[in-house]
C-alpha atoms as a PDB file:
ATOM      1  CA  UNK A   1      83.203  96.557  80.442  1.00  0.00           C
ATOM      2  CA  UNK A   2      81.064  93.601  81.888  1.00  0.00           C
ATOM      3  CA  UNK A   3      84.637  91.808  81.455  1.00  0.00           C
ATOM      4  CA  UNK A   4      86.077  94.267  83.832  1.00  0.00           C
ATOM      5  CA  UNK A   5      83.303  93.614  86.416  1.00  0.00           C
ATOM      6  CA  UNK A   6      84.881  90.820  88.393  1.00  0.00           C
ATOM      7  CA  UNK A   7      87.887  92.480  88.446  1.00  0.00           C
ATOM      8  CA  UNK A   8      86.637  95.821  89.585  1.00  0.00           C
ATOM      9  CA  UNK A   9      84.680  93.921  92.189  1.00  0.00           C
ATOM     10  CA  UNK A  10      87.446  91.814  93.562  1.00  0.00           C
ATOM     11  CA  UNK A  11      89.444  95.009  94.170  1.00  0.00           C
ATOM     12  CA  UNK A  12      86.802  96.771  95.557  1.00  0.00           C
ATOM     13  CA  UNK A  13      85.840  94.407  97.970  1.00  0.00           C
ATOM     14  CA  UNK A  14      89.969  93.842  98.900  1.00  0.00           C
ATOM     15  CA  UNK A  15      89.742  97.577  99.499  1.00  0.00           C
ATOM     16  CA  UNK A  16      86.653  97.115 102.028  1.00  0.00           C
ATOM     17  CA  UNK A  17      87.784  94.007 103.702  1.00  0.00           C
ATOM     18  CA  UNK A  18      91.360  95.822 104.202  1.00  0.00           C
ATOM     19  CA  UNK A  19      89.901  98.961 105.530  1.00  0.00           C
ATOM     20  CA  UNK A  20      87.418  97.082 107.840  1.00  0.00           C
ATOM     21  CA  UNK A  21      90.531  95.059 109.421  1.00  0.00           C
ATOM     22  CA  UNK A  22      92.151  98.396 109.843  1.00  0.00           C
ATOM     23  CA  UNK A  23      89.733  99.515 111.893  1.00  0.00           C
ATOM     24  CA  UNK A  24      89.037  96.488 113.861  1.00  0.00           C
ATOM     25  CA  UNK A  25      92.905  96.737 114.786  1.00  0.00           C
ATOM     26  CA  UNK A  26      92.705 100.110 115.786  1.00  0.00           C
ATOM     27  CA  UNK A  27      89.555  99.726 117.691  1.00  0.00           C
ATOM     28  CA  UNK A  28      91.552  96.981 119.592  1.00  0.00           C
ATOM     29  CA  UNK A  29      94.553  99.382 119.838  1.00  0.00           C
ATOM     30  CA  UNK A  30      92.349 101.845 121.306  1.00  0.00           C
ATOM     31  CA  UNK A  31      91.805  99.579 124.266  1.00  0.00           C
ATOM     32  CA  UNK A  32      94.921  98.478 124.669  1.00  0.00           C
ATOM     33  CA  UNK A  33      97.187 101.381 124.360  1.00  0.00           C
ATOM     34  CA  UNK A  34      98.731 102.859 127.543  1.00  0.00           C
ATOM     35  CA  UNK A  35      97.931 106.250 127.512  1.00  0.00           C
ATOM     36  CA  UNK A  36      95.741 109.262 125.926  1.00  0.00           C
ATOM     37  CA  UNK A  37      98.019 110.342 123.224  1.00  0.00           C
ATOM     38  CA  UNK A  38      98.699 106.680 122.072  1.00  0.00           C
ATOM     39  CA  UNK A  39      95.152 106.284 121.929  1.00  0.00           C
ATOM     40  CA  UNK A  40      94.599 109.552 119.941  1.00  0.00           C
ATOM     41  CA  UNK A  41      97.361 108.754 117.672  1.00  0.00           C
ATOM     42  CA  UNK A  42      95.502 105.580 116.938  1.00  0.00           C
ATOM     43  CA  UNK A  43      92.113 107.025 116.756  1.00  0.00           C
ATOM     44  CA  UNK A  44      93.679 109.595 114.041  1.00  0.00           C
ATOM     45  CA  UNK A  45      95.306 106.806 112.088  1.00  0.00           C
ATOM     46  CA  UNK A  46      92.353 104.695 111.592  1.00  0.00           C
ATOM     47  CA  UNK A  47      89.790 107.289 111.142  1.00  0.00           C
ATOM     48  CA  UNK A  48      92.077 108.379 108.057  1.00  0.00           C
ATOM     49  CA  UNK A  49      93.371 104.915 106.726  1.00  0.00           C
ATOM     50  CA  UNK A  50      90.399 102.688 107.557  1.00  0.00           C
ATOM     51  CA  UNK A  51      87.788 104.958 106.356  1.00  0.00           C
ATOM     52  CA  UNK A  52      89.673 105.894 103.400  1.00  0.00           C
ATOM     53  CA  UNK A  53      90.248 102.588 102.106  1.00  0.00           C
ATOM     54  CA  UNK A  54      86.362 101.767 102.769  1.00  0.00           C
ATOM     55  CA  UNK A  55      85.695 105.072 100.919  1.00  0.00           C
ATOM     56  CA  UNK A  56      87.615 103.863  97.639  1.00  0.00           C
ATOM     57  CA  UNK A  57      86.104 100.577  97.869  1.00  0.00           C
ATOM     58  CA  UNK A  58      82.809 101.912  97.724  1.00  0.00           C
ATOM     59  CA  UNK A  59      83.773 104.198  94.945  1.00  0.00           C
ATOM     60  CA  UNK A  60      84.758 101.613  92.789  1.00  0.00           C
ATOM     61  CA  UNK A  61      81.366  99.904  93.497  1.00  0.00           C
ATOM     62  CA  UNK A  62      79.476 102.950  92.293  1.00  0.00           C
ATOM     63  CA  UNK A  63      79.458 104.186  88.661  1.00  0.00           C
ATOM     64  CA  UNK A  64      81.079 107.498  87.857  1.00  0.00           C
ATOM     65  CA  UNK A  65      78.461 109.750  88.885  1.00  0.00           C
ATOM     66  CA  UNK A  66      76.901 112.071  91.767  1.00  0.00           C
ATOM     67  CA  UNK A  67      77.419 109.451  94.444  1.00  0.00           C
ATOM     68  CA  UNK A  68      81.121 109.006  93.522  1.00  0.00           C
ATOM     69  CA  UNK A  69      81.624 112.556  93.573  1.00  0.00           C
ATOM     70  CA  UNK A  70      80.267 112.825  97.280  1.00  0.00           C
ATOM     71  CA  UNK A  71      82.352 109.886  98.363  1.00  0.00           C
ATOM     72  CA  UNK A  72      85.701 111.854  97.094  1.00  0.00           C
ATOM     73  CA  UNK A  73      84.314 114.808  98.950  1.00  0.00           C
ATOM     74  CA  UNK A  74      83.653 112.936 102.141  1.00  0.00           C
ATOM     75  CA  UNK A  75      87.663 111.279 101.750  1.00  0.00           C
ATOM     76  CA  UNK A  76      88.882 114.593 101.437  1.00  0.00           C
ATOM     77  CA  UNK A  77      86.957 116.134 104.344  1.00  0.00           C
ATOM     78  CA  UNK A  78      87.969 113.237 106.185  1.00  0.00           C
ATOM     79  CA  UNK A  79      91.701 113.612 105.091  1.00  0.00           C
ATOM     80  CA  UNK A  80      92.068 116.685 106.231  1.00  0.00           C
ATOM     81  CA  UNK A  81      89.709 117.040 109.398  1.00  0.00           C
ATOM     82  CA  UNK A  82      91.241 113.894 111.146  1.00  0.00           C
ATOM     83  CA  UNK A  83      94.644 114.737 111.664  1.00  0.00           C
ATOM     84  CA  UNK A  84      93.719 118.067 112.272  1.00  0.00           C
ATOM     85  CA  UNK A  85      91.057 117.369 115.111  1.00  0.00           C
ATOM     86  CA  UNK A  86      93.507 114.601 116.594  1.00  0.00           C
ATOM     87  CA  UNK A  87      96.150 117.181 117.012  1.00  0.00           C
ATOM     88  CA  UNK A  88      93.903 119.768 118.359  1.00  0.00           C
ATOM     89  CA  UNK A  89      92.729 117.110 121.277  1.00  0.00           C
ATOM     90  CA  UNK A  90      96.406 116.209 121.848  1.00  0.00           C
ATOM     91  CA  UNK A  91      97.300 119.976 122.186  1.00  0.00           C
ATOM     92  CA  UNK A  92      94.660 120.859 124.409  1.00  0.00           C
ATOM     93  CA  UNK A  93      95.325 117.893 126.965  1.00  0.00           C
ATOM     94  CA  UNK A  94      99.015 119.131 126.656  1.00  0.00           C
ATOM     95  CA  UNK A  95      97.972 122.399 127.668  1.00  0.00           C
ATOM     96  CA  UNK A  96      95.488 121.044 130.426  1.00  0.00           C
ATOM     97  CA  UNK A  97      98.615 119.224 132.088  1.00  0.00           C
ATOM     98  CA  UNK A  98      98.114 115.627 130.677  1.00  0.00           C
ATOM     99  CA  UNK A  99     101.328 113.875 130.874  1.00  0.00           C
ATOM    100  CA  UNK A 100     102.378 111.265 128.680  1.00  0.00           C
ATOM    101  CA  UNK A 101     102.924 107.779 129.889  1.00  0.00           C
ATOM    102  CA  UNK A 102     106.513 106.524 130.618  1.00  0.00           C
ATOM    103  CA  UNK A 103     107.904 103.240 131.794  1.00  0.00           C
ATOM    104  CA  UNK A 104     108.765 104.468 135.267  1.00  0.00           C
ATOM    105  CA  UNK A 105     104.579 104.775 135.298  1.00  0.00           C
ATOM    106  CA  UNK A 106     104.484 100.861 134.797  1.00  0.00           C
ATOM    107  CA  UNK A 107     103.951  98.369 137.661  1.00  0.00           C
ATOM    108  CA  UNK A 108     107.636  98.814 138.668  1.00  0.00           C
ATOM    109  CA  UNK A 109     106.645 101.799 141.143  1.00  0.00           C
ATOM    110  CA  UNK A 110     103.377 100.392 142.126  1.00  0.00           C
ATOM    111  CA  UNK A 111     105.433  97.411 143.706  1.00  0.00           C
ATOM    112  CA  UNK A 112     105.895  96.932 147.471  1.00  0.00           C
ATOM    113  CA  UNK A 113     109.535  96.954 148.497  1.00  0.00           C
ATOM    114  CA  UNK A 114     110.868  94.070 150.531  1.00  0.00           C
ATOM    115  CA  UNK A 115     110.496  95.883 153.955  1.00  0.00           C
ATOM    116  CA  UNK A 116     106.512  97.341 152.951  1.00  0.00           C
ATOM    117  CA  UNK A 117     103.778  95.519 154.457  1.00  0.00           C
END
């Protein structure tokens, strides 16, 4: 088992680093995306994928036991609740009248015409 430990560590740290990169890119995307719905989509993706990869990396670091079982339960919980909550928030915004962003709402409509002062 000791011969496989370096390989398991490399794979585990790869999952941890990849999950961290997804969370970082998703966080930047939350700041740069144009509207509420795109941001909600990005939050759901990074929550499910980034956190799932980090949990997988942590499971590989831990020996089989109670902690691994707890990490699996957390992963299942996040896998099902994150997309559901993202949908619920987006649907509530739609019902409340929040309109999606379109290209007609970009700077083209906010620019002055030649005759305007």
